[in-house]
Amino acid sequence: MTTQITHADSEALAAKHGLPVVEWDATNLSEDLRDKIMAFYSETKDDRVIVVFTGQDPVERLHAIRQLLAHPKVSA
């Protein structure tokens, strides 16, 4: 049996931790950074979000969100 991973899976995982997922267009990043950043956590005075990139592979996205949630500051 094969499990199909979707973007909804990563969004549900982040939502379990009270974090919305926001998609950004990676073309806004310089070319040398596009392949180096899979996702990032952003925190402001009023908001906390996980930023992922449009068109990202669902497995890569889920892995990136799991990595971020493993960080104590993000999961607090």
PDB file of N, CA and C in Angstrom:
ATOM      1  N   MET A   1       0.839  -1.178   0.000  1.00  0.00           N
ATOM      2  CA  MET A   1       0.000   0.000   0.000  1.00  0.00           C
ATOM      3  C   MET A   1       0.888   1.247   0.000  1.00  0.00           C
ATOM      4  N   THR A   2       0.575   2.196  -0.853  1.00  0.00           N
ATOM      5  CA  THR A   2       1.325   3.438  -0.969  1.00  0.00           C
ATOM      6  C   THR A   2       0.523   4.573  -0.351  1.00  0.00           C
ATOM      7  N   THR A   3       1.195   5.417   0.415  1.00  0.00           N
ATOM      8  CA  THR A   3       0.541   6.569   1.019  1.00  0.00           C
ATOM      9  C   THR A   3       0.813   7.792   0.157  1.00  0.00           C
ATOM     10  N   GLN A   4      -0.241   8.490  -0.197  1.00  0.00           N
ATOM     11  CA  GLN A   4      -0.125   9.713  -0.993  1.00  0.00           C
ATOM     12  C   GLN A   4      -0.033  10.902  -0.043  1.00  0.00           C
ATOM     13  N   ILE A   5       1.014  11.688  -0.142  1.00  0.00           N
ATOM     14  CA  ILE A   5       1.175  12.873   0.697  1.00  0.00           C
ATOM     15  C   ILE A   5       0.739  14.091  -0.105  1.00  0.00           C
ATOM     16  N   THR A   6      -0.073  14.945   0.522  1.00  0.00           N
ATOM     17  CA  THR A   6      -0.563  16.150  -0.148  1.00  0.00           C
ATOM     18  C   THR A   6      -0.169  17.386   0.644  1.00  0.00           C
ATOM     19  N   HIS A   7      -0.367  18.550   0.031  1.00  0.00           N
ATOM     20  CA  HIS A   7      -0.104  19.812   0.736  1.00  0.00           C
ATOM     21  C   HIS A   7      -1.016  19.936   1.956  1.00  0.00           C
ATOM     22  N   ALA A   8      -2.201  19.356   1.885  1.00  0.00           N
ATOM     23  CA  ALA A   8      -3.133  19.413   3.021  1.00  0.00           C
ATOM     24  C   ALA A   8      -2.534  18.749   4.256  1.00  0.00           C
ATOM     25  N   ASP A   9      -1.729  17.696   4.065  1.00  0.00           N
ATOM     26  CA  ASP A   9      -1.100  17.012   5.195  1.00  0.00           C
ATOM     27  C   ASP A   9      -0.169  17.947   5.958  1.00  0.00           C
ATOM     28  N   SER A  10       0.642  18.705   5.233  1.00  0.00           N
ATOM     29  CA  SER A  10       1.576  19.613   5.891  1.00  0.00           C
ATOM     30  C   SER A  10       0.833  20.768   6.552  1.00  0.00           C
ATOM     31  N   GLU A  11      -0.227  21.241   5.925  1.00  0.00           N
ATOM     32  CA  GLU A  11      -1.018  22.320   6.513  1.00  0.00           C
ATOM     33  C   GLU A  11      -1.729  21.839   7.776  1.00  0.00           C
ATOM     34  N   ALA A  12      -2.209  20.608   7.767  1.00  0.00           N
ATOM     35  CA  ALA A  12      -2.871  20.050   8.957  1.00  0.00           C
ATOM     36  C   ALA A  12      -1.869  19.889  10.100  1.00  0.00           C
ATOM     37  N   LEU A  13      -0.668  19.449   9.780  1.00  0.00           N
ATOM     38  CA  LEU A  13       0.372  19.306  10.801  1.00  0.00           C
ATOM     39  C   LEU A  13       0.692  20.655  11.435  1.00  0.00           C
ATOM     40  N   ALA A  14       0.870  21.672  10.625  1.00  0.00           N
ATOM     41  CA  ALA A  14       1.164  23.007  11.151  1.00  0.00           C
ATOM     42  C   ALA A  14      -0.019  23.537  11.959  1.00  0.00           C
ATOM     43  N   ALA A  15      -1.227  23.296  11.486  1.00  0.00           N
ATOM     44  CA  ALA A  15      -2.432  23.768  12.190  1.00  0.00           C
ATOM     45  C   ALA A  15      -2.561  23.132  13.572  1.00  0.00           C
ATOM     46  N   LYS A  16      -2.113  21.882  13.702  1.00  0.00           N
ATOM     47  CA  LYS A  16      -2.113  21.214  15.011  1.00  0.00           C
ATOM     48  C   LYS A  16      -1.301  22.003  16.031  1.00  0.00           C
ATOM     49  N   HIS A  17      -0.329  22.742  15.549  1.00  0.00           N
ATOM     50  CA  HIS A  17       0.538  23.552  16.404  1.00  0.00           C
ATOM     51  C   HIS A  17       0.130  25.029  16.401  1.00  0.00           C
ATOM     52  N   GLY A  18      -1.044  25.302  15.840  1.00  0.00           N
ATOM     53  CA  GLY A  18      -1.549  26.671  15.831  1.00  0.00           C
ATOM     54  C   GLY A  18      -0.848  27.589  14.854  1.00  0.00           C
ATOM     55  N   LEU A  19      -0.232  27.019  13.822  1.00  0.00           N
ATOM     56  CA  LEU A  19       0.522  27.817  12.853  1.00  0.00           C
ATOM     57  C   LEU A  19      -0.098  27.709  11.457  1.00  0.00           C
ATOM     58  N   PRO A  20      -0.509  28.821  10.890  1.00  0.00           N
ATOM     59  CA  PRO A  20      -0.974  28.776   9.504  1.00  0.00           C
ATOM     60  C   PRO A  20       0.212  28.634   8.560  1.00  0.00           C
ATOM     61  N   VAL A  21      -0.066  28.093   7.383  1.00  0.00           N
ATOM     62  CA  VAL A  21       0.948  27.954   6.334  1.00  0.00           C
ATOM     63  C   VAL A  21       0.638  28.985   5.254  1.00  0.00           C
ATOM     64  N   VAL A  22       1.646  29.751   4.893  1.00  0.00           N
ATOM     65  CA  VAL A  22       1.512  30.783   3.859  1.00  0.00           C
ATOM     66  C   VAL A  22       2.431  30.412   2.705  1.00  0.00           C
ATOM     67  N   GLU A  23       1.924  30.504   1.478  1.00  0.00           N
ATOM     68  CA  GLU A  23       2.748  30.216   0.308  1.00  0.00           C
ATOM     69  C   GLU A  23       3.325  31.494  -0.272  1.00  0.00           C
ATOM     70  N   TRP A  24       4.598  31.435  -0.618  1.00  0.00           N
ATOM     71  CA  TRP A  24       5.277  32.542  -1.297  1.00  0.00           C
ATOM     72  C   TRP A  24       5.809  32.048  -2.630  1.00  0.00           C
ATOM     73  N   ASP A  25       5.949  32.950  -3.544  1.00  0.00           N
ATOM     74  CA  ASP A  25       6.550  32.653  -4.831  1.00  0.00           C
ATOM     75  C   ASP A  25       8.067  32.733  -4.682  1.00  0.00           C
ATOM     76  N   ALA A  26       8.750  31.615  -4.887  1.00  0.00           N
ATOM     77  CA  ALA A  26      10.204  31.555  -4.697  1.00  0.00           C
ATOM     78  C   ALA A  26      10.970  32.404  -5.699  1.00  0.00           C
ATOM     79  N   THR A  27      10.317  32.813  -6.772  1.00  0.00           N
ATOM     80  CA  THR A  27      11.036  33.647  -7.746  1.00  0.00           C
ATOM     81  C   THR A  27      11.374  35.009  -7.159  1.00  0.00           C
ATOM     82  N   ASN A  28      10.791  35.349  -6.017  1.00  0.00           N
ATOM     83  CA  ASN A  28      11.122  36.599  -5.343  1.00  0.00           C
ATOM     84  C   ASN A  28      12.466  36.517  -4.619  1.00  0.00           C
ATOM     85  N   LEU A  29      12.981  35.305  -4.448  1.00  0.00           N
ATOM     86  CA  LEU A  29      14.285  35.116  -3.811  1.00  0.00           C
ATOM     87  C   LEU A  29      15.385  35.194  -4.859  1.00  0.00           C
ATOM     88  N   SER A  30      16.562  35.557  -4.431  1.00  0.00           N
ATOM     89  CA  SER A  30      17.686  35.539  -5.366  1.00  0.00           C
ATOM     90  C   SER A  30      17.941  34.086  -5.775  1.00  0.00           C
ATOM     91  N   GLU A  31      18.455  33.898  -6.964  1.00  0.00           N
ATOM     92  CA  GLU A  31      18.653  32.547  -7.504  1.00  0.00           C
ATOM     93  C   GLU A  31      19.498  31.656  -6.612  1.00  0.00           C
ATOM     94  N   ASP A  32      20.500  32.213  -5.967  1.00  0.00           N
ATOM     95  CA  ASP A  32      21.371  31.392  -5.129  1.00  0.00           C
ATOM     96  C   ASP A  32      20.675  30.889  -3.860  1.00  0.00           C
ATOM     97  N   LEU A  33      19.532  31.464  -3.492  1.00  0.00           N
ATOM     98  CA  LEU A  33      18.808  31.021  -2.299  1.00  0.00           C
ATOM     99  C   LEU A  33      17.655  30.070  -2.602  1.00  0.00           C
ATOM    100  N   ARG A  34      17.157  30.065  -3.807  1.00  0.00           N
ATOM    101  CA  ARG A  34      15.959  29.287  -4.153  1.00  0.00           C
ATOM    102  C   ARG A  34      16.079  27.809  -3.838  1.00  0.00           C
ATOM    103  N   ASP A  35      17.235  27.228  -4.037  1.00  0.00           N
ATOM    104  CA  ASP A  35      17.416  25.798  -3.783  1.00  0.00           C
ATOM    105  C   ASP A  35      17.896  25.504  -2.371  1.00  0.00           C
ATOM    106  N   LYS A  36      18.156  26.543  -1.594  1.00  0.00           N
ATOM    107  CA  LYS A  36      18.696  26.348  -0.252  1.00  0.00           C
ATOM    108  C   LYS A  36      17.646  26.478   0.845  1.00  0.00           C
ATOM    109  N   ILE A  37      16.554  27.146   0.574  1.00  0.00           N
ATOM    110  CA  ILE A  37      15.512  27.365   1.580  1.00  0.00           C
ATOM    111  C   ILE A  37      14.280  26.559   1.200  1.00  0.00           C
ATOM    112  N   MET A  38      13.863  25.659   2.095  1.00  0.00           N
ATOM    113  CA  MET A  38      12.668  24.848   1.825  1.00  0.00           C
ATOM    114  C   MET A  38      11.430  25.467   2.460  1.00  0.00           C
ATOM    115  N   ALA A  39      11.612  26.146   3.574  1.00  0.00           N
ATOM    116  CA  ALA A  39      10.519  26.797   4.299  1.00  0.00           C
ATOM    117  C   ALA A  39      11.165  27.623   5.405  1.00  0.00           C
ATOM    118  N   PHE A  40      10.390  28.540   5.968  1.00  0.00           N
ATOM    119  CA  PHE A  40      10.902  29.257   7.129  1.00  0.00           C
ATOM    120  C   PHE A  40       9.758  29.684   8.032  1.00  0.00           C
ATOM    121  N   TYR A  41      10.123  29.959   9.271  1.00  0.00           N
ATOM    122  CA  TYR A  41       9.189  30.372  10.307  1.00  0.00           C
ATOM    123  C   TYR A  41       9.305  31.874  10.458  1.00  0.00           C
ATOM    124  N   SER A  42       8.167  32.541  10.520  1.00  0.00           N
ATOM    125  CA  SER A  42       8.164  33.990  10.690  1.00  0.00           C
ATOM    126  C   SER A  42       7.278  34.355  11.878  1.00  0.00           C
ATOM    127  N   GLU A  43       7.822  35.203  12.732  1.00  0.00           N
ATOM    128  CA  GLU A  43       7.074  35.631  13.914  1.00  0.00           C
ATOM    129  C   GLU A  43       7.139  37.149  14.010  1.00  0.00           C
ATOM    130  N   THR A  44       5.967  37.766  14.142  1.00  0.00           N
ATOM    131  CA  THR A  44       5.879  39.199  14.371  1.00  0.00           C
ATOM    132  C   THR A  44       5.172  39.406  15.701  1.00  0.00           C
ATOM    133  N   LYS A  45       4.946  40.623  16.047  1.00  0.00           N
ATOM    134  CA  LYS A  45       4.266  40.939  17.308  1.00  0.00           C
ATOM    135  C   LYS A  45       2.882  40.281  17.375  1.00  0.00           C
ATOM    136  N   ASP A  46       2.194  40.217  16.240  1.00  0.00           N
ATOM    137  CA  ASP A  46       0.811  39.733  16.217  1.00  0.00           C
ATOM    138  C   ASP A  46       0.602  38.385  15.543  1.00  0.00           C
ATOM    139  N   ASP A  47       1.624  37.832  14.945  1.00  0.00           N
ATOM    140  CA  ASP A  47       1.392  36.658  14.106  1.00  0.00           C
ATOM    141  C   ASP A  47       2.582  35.709  14.090  1.00  0.00           C
ATOM    142  N   ARG A  48       2.291  34.442  13.901  1.00  0.00           N
ATOM    143  CA  ARG A  48       3.313  33.405  13.709  1.00  0.00           C
ATOM    144  C   ARG A  48       2.862  32.565  12.517  1.00  0.00           C
ATOM    145  N   VAL A  49       3.729  32.363  11.548  1.00  0.00           N
ATOM    146  CA  VAL A  49       3.380  31.571  10.368  1.00  0.00           C
ATOM    147  C   VAL A  49       4.567  30.746   9.907  1.00  0.00           C
ATOM    148  N   ILE A  50       4.250  29.712   9.137  1.00  0.00           N
ATOM    149  CA  ILE A  50       5.272  28.960   8.425  1.00  0.00           C
ATOM    150  C   ILE A  50       5.117  29.328   6.960  1.00  0.00           C
ATOM    151  N   VAL A  51       6.201  29.738   6.349  1.00  0.00           N
ATOM    152  CA  VAL A  51       6.196  30.143   4.945  1.00  0.00           C
ATOM    153  C   VAL A  51       6.809  29.023   4.112  1.00  0.00           C
ATOM    154  N   VAL A  52       6.066  28.611   3.093  1.00  0.00           N
ATOM    155  CA  VAL A  52       6.528  27.597   2.141  1.00  0.00           C
ATOM    156  C   VAL A  52       6.454  28.206   0.750  1.00  0.00           C
ATOM    157  N   PHE A  53       6.884  27.457  -0.245  1.00  0.00           N
ATOM    158  CA  PHE A  53       6.951  28.027  -1.586  1.00  0.00           C
ATOM    159  C   PHE A  53       5.946  27.398  -2.543  1.00  0.00           C
ATOM    160  N   THR A  54       5.377  28.213  -3.377  1.00  0.00           N
ATOM    161  CA  THR A  54       4.413  27.780  -4.379  1.00  0.00           C
ATOM    162  C   THR A  54       5.037  26.724  -5.284  1.00  0.00           C
ATOM    163  N   GLY A  55       4.278  25.676  -5.575  1.00  0.00           N
ATOM    164  CA  GLY A  55       4.748  24.630  -6.469  1.00  0.00           C
ATOM    165  C   GLY A  55       5.687  23.628  -5.827  1.00  0.00           C
ATOM    166  N   GLN A  56       5.861  23.719  -4.530  1.00  0.00           N
ATOM    167  CA  GLN A  56       6.784  22.833  -3.818  1.00  0.00           C
ATOM    168  C   GLN A  56       6.228  21.405  -3.775  1.00  0.00           C
ATOM    169  N   ASP A  57       7.123  20.447  -3.884  1.00  0.00           N
ATOM    170  CA  ASP A  57       6.744  19.038  -3.778  1.00  0.00           C
ATOM    171  C   ASP A  57       6.126  18.784  -2.399  1.00  0.00           C
ATOM    172  N   PRO A  58       4.982  18.083  -2.316  1.00  0.00           N
ATOM    173  CA  PRO A  58       4.333  17.852  -1.025  1.00  0.00           C
ATOM    174  C   PRO A  58       5.211  17.128  -0.001  1.00  0.00           C
ATOM    175  N   VAL A  59       6.019  16.191  -0.447  1.00  0.00           N
ATOM    176  CA  VAL A  59       6.898  15.464   0.477  1.00  0.00           C
ATOM    177  C   VAL A  59       7.964  16.409   1.031  1.00  0.00           C
ATOM    178  N   GLU A  60       8.551  17.228   0.171  1.00  0.00           N
ATOM    179  CA  GLU A  60       9.550  18.206   0.604  1.00  0.00           C
ATOM    180  C   GLU A  60       8.930  19.204   1.577  1.00  0.00           C
ATOM    181  N   ARG A  61       7.719  19.643   1.286  1.00  0.00           N
ATOM    182  CA  ARG A  61       7.036  20.605   2.157  1.00  0.00           C
ATOM    183  C   ARG A  61       6.779  20.005   3.534  1.00  0.00           C
ATOM    184  N   LEU A  62       6.276  18.778   3.569  1.00  0.00           N
ATOM    185  CA  LEU A  62       6.001  18.114   4.842  1.00  0.00           C
ATOM    186  C   LEU A  62       7.283  17.950   5.646  1.00  0.00           C
ATOM    187  N   HIS A  63       8.356  17.543   4.980  1.00  0.00           N
ATOM    188  CA  HIS A  63       9.654  17.391   5.646  1.00  0.00           C
ATOM    189  C   HIS A  63      10.126  18.731   6.224  1.00  0.00           C
ATOM    190  N   ALA A  64       9.993  19.798   5.456  1.00  0.00           N
ATOM    191  CA  ALA A  64      10.436  21.126   5.912  1.00  0.00           C
ATOM    192  C   ALA A  64       9.633  21.576   7.127  1.00  0.00           C
ATOM    193  N   ILE A  65       8.339  21.356   7.103  1.00  0.00           N
ATOM    194  CA  ILE A  65       7.497  21.767   8.235  1.00  0.00           C
ATOM    195  C   ILE A  65       7.820  20.939   9.468  1.00  0.00           C
ATOM    196  N   ARG A  66       8.048  19.657   9.285  1.00  0.00           N
ATOM    197  CA  ARG A  66       8.451  18.814  10.432  1.00  0.00           C
ATOM    198  C   ARG A  66       9.758  19.311  11.036  1.00  0.00           C
ATOM    199  N   GLN A  67      10.702  19.681  10.190  1.00  0.00           N
ATOM    200  CA  GLN A  67      11.992  20.201  10.665  1.00  0.00           C
ATOM    201  C   GLN A  67      11.789  21.481  11.483  1.00  0.00           C
ATOM    202  N   LEU A  68      10.951  22.371  10.971  1.00  0.00           N
ATOM    203  CA  LEU A  68      10.696  23.623  11.687  1.00  0.00           C
ATOM    204  C   LEU A  68      10.004  23.373  13.022  1.00  0.00           C
ATOM    205  N   LEU A  69       9.028  22.477  13.036  1.00  0.00           N
ATOM    206  CA  LEU A  69       8.295  22.194  14.267  1.00  0.00           C
ATOM    207  C   LEU A  69       9.159  21.512  15.320  1.00  0.00           C
ATOM    208  N   ALA A  70      10.243  20.909  14.901  1.00  0.00           N
ATOM    209  CA  ALA A  70      11.162  20.279  15.846  1.00  0.00           C
ATOM    210  C   ALA A  70      11.988  21.304  16.620  1.00  0.00           C
ATOM    211  N   HIS A  71      12.030  22.531  16.124  1.00  0.00           N
ATOM    212  CA  HIS A  71      12.793  23.587  16.794  1.00  0.00           C
ATOM    213  C   HIS A  71      11.987  24.091  17.998  1.00  0.00           C
ATOM    214  N   PRO A  72      12.589  24.168  19.179  1.00  0.00           N
ATOM    215  CA  PRO A  72      11.862  24.586  20.393  1.00  0.00           C
ATOM    216  C   PRO A  72      11.156  25.941  20.277  1.00  0.00           C
ATOM    217  N   LYS A  73      11.765  26.910  19.633  1.00  0.00           N
ATOM    218  CA  LYS A  73      11.147  28.233  19.532  1.00  0.00           C
ATOM    219  C   LYS A  73       9.883  28.206  18.682  1.00  0.00           C
ATOM    220  N   VAL A  74       9.866  27.379  17.657  1.00  0.00           N
ATOM    221  CA  VAL A  74       8.710  27.296  16.763  1.00  0.00           C
ATOM    222  C   VAL A  74       7.570  26.556  17.434  1.00  0.00           C
ATOM    223  N   SER A  75       7.867  25.478  18.114  1.00  0.00           N
ATOM    224  CA  SER A  75       6.809  24.659  18.708  1.00  0.00           C
ATOM    225  C   SER A  75       6.320  25.170  20.052  1.00  0.00           C
ATOM    226  N   ALA A  76       6.948  26.221  20.580  1.00  0.00           N
ATOM    227  CA  ALA A  76       6.537  26.756  21.890  1.00  0.00           C
ATOM    228  C   ALA A  76       5.206  27.478  21.814  1.00  0.00           C
TER     229      ALA A  76
END
